[in-house]
């Protein structure tokens, strides 16, 4: 990892372009704790994917979650807003 470069800039006539390096190579790190954290992150992503399969309309669910967060944020500021007011145009 110490010698890894993300890519290189190349002169292409009147401009420069960036050509990325291939990333599908073996990566090794000094701290083995990273492997445990990566495994946990992959497990959580799998659980999130399972929830997405259960919800019929993920886009609507995300919009309603954002609306609920906006309502909760208003409560922190001292403004009482109902959920139906948040989704009004």
Protein backbone atom coordinates (compact mmCIF):
# COMPACT_ATOMS: atom_id res chain seq x y z
CA UNK A 1 0.00 0.00 0.00
CA UNK A 2 2.90 2.38 0.61
CA UNK A 3 3.89 2.37 -3.06
CA UNK A 4 0.32 2.51 -4.40
CA UNK A 5 -0.45 5.42 -6.72
CA UNK A 6 -4.02 6.26 -7.65
CA UNK A 7 -3.02 6.89 -11.25
CA UNK A 8 -1.03 9.19 -13.42
CA UNK A 9 -1.52 12.34 -15.45
CA UNK A 10 -0.72 12.02 -19.14
CA UNK A 11 -0.22 14.77 -21.68
CA UNK A 12 -2.82 14.37 -24.45
CA UNK A 13 -2.21 16.96 -27.17
CA UNK A 14 -3.44 20.26 -25.59
CA UNK A 15 -4.69 18.84 -22.28
CA UNK A 16 -3.75 16.42 -19.53
CA UNK A 17 -5.83 13.40 -18.62
CA UNK A 18 -5.84 11.24 -15.51
CA UNK A 19 -5.55 7.50 -15.98
CA UNK A 20 -6.44 5.60 -12.80
CA UNK A 21 -4.50 2.57 -11.63
CA UNK A 22 -6.12 -0.84 -11.46
CA UNK A 23 -7.48 -1.49 -7.98
CA UNK A 24 -8.23 -5.19 -8.32
CA UNK A 25 -5.00 -6.25 -6.69
CA UNK A 26 -4.15 -7.72 -3.32
CA UNK A 27 -4.23 -5.07 -0.61
CA UNK A 28 -2.51 -5.73 2.68
CA UNK A 29 -2.55 -3.54 5.76
CA UNK A 30 -0.59 -3.64 8.96
CA UNK A 31 -3.52 -3.57 11.39
CA UNK A 32 -5.54 -6.83 11.34
CA UNK A 33 -8.41 -5.03 13.12
CA UNK A 34 -9.33 -3.59 9.69
CA UNK A 35 -10.36 -7.09 8.54
CA UNK A 36 -12.84 -7.34 11.41
CA UNK A 37 -14.24 -3.89 10.69
CA UNK A 38 -14.57 -4.68 6.99
CA UNK A 39 -16.39 -7.94 7.74
CA UNK A 40 -18.79 -6.09 10.07
CA UNK A 41 -19.41 -3.40 7.42
CA UNK A 42 -20.18 -6.07 4.81
CA UNK A 43 -22.58 -7.76 7.23
CA UNK A 44 -24.41 -4.49 7.89
CA UNK A 45 -24.63 -3.76 4.16
CA UNK A 46 -26.15 -7.21 3.66
CA UNK A 47 -28.74 -6.50 6.35
CA UNK A 48 -29.54 -3.16 4.73
CA UNK A 49 -29.98 -4.91 1.39
CA UNK A 50 -32.36 -7.40 3.02
CA UNK A 51 -34.48 -4.55 4.37
CA UNK A 52 -34.52 -2.97 0.91
CA UNK A 53 -35.94 -6.22 -0.49
CA UNK A 54 -38.78 -6.15 2.07
CA UNK A 55 -39.86 -2.58 1.29
CA UNK A 56 -42.05 -2.39 -1.83
CA UNK A 57 -41.06 1.17 -2.83
CA UNK A 58 -37.61 2.09 -1.54
CA UNK A 59 -37.67 5.59 -3.06
CA UNK A 60 -40.89 6.47 -1.23
CA UNK A 61 -39.48 5.03 1.99
CA UNK A 62 -36.35 7.20 1.67
CA UNK A 63 -38.44 10.32 0.99
CA UNK A 64 -40.58 9.66 4.07
CA UNK A 65 -37.48 9.02 6.18
CA UNK A 66 -36.05 12.36 5.06
CA UNK A 67 -39.38 14.06 5.86
CA UNK A 68 -39.39 12.52 9.34
CA UNK A 69 -35.82 13.69 9.89
CA UNK A 70 -36.83 17.21 8.81
CA UNK A 71 -39.70 17.16 11.30
CA UNK A 72 -37.42 15.95 14.09
CA UNK A 73 -34.90 18.65 13.19
CA UNK A 74 -37.63 21.28 13.51
CA UNK A 75 -38.44 19.98 16.98
CA UNK A 76 -34.83 20.56 18.01
CA UNK A 77 -35.16 24.15 16.85
CA UNK A 78 -38.35 24.59 18.83
CA UNK A 79 -40.74 24.54 15.86
CA UNK A 80 -43.58 22.02 15.96
CA UNK A 81 -44.30 20.66 12.50
CA UNK A 82 -46.53 17.72 11.67
CA UNK A 83 -45.47 15.17 9.09
CA UNK A 84 -48.20 16.19 6.64
CA UNK A 85 -46.90 19.78 6.73
CA UNK A 86 -43.40 18.61 5.89
CA UNK A 87 -44.49 16.88 2.67
CA UNK A 88 -46.52 19.86 1.41
CA UNK A 89 -45.07 21.50 -1.70
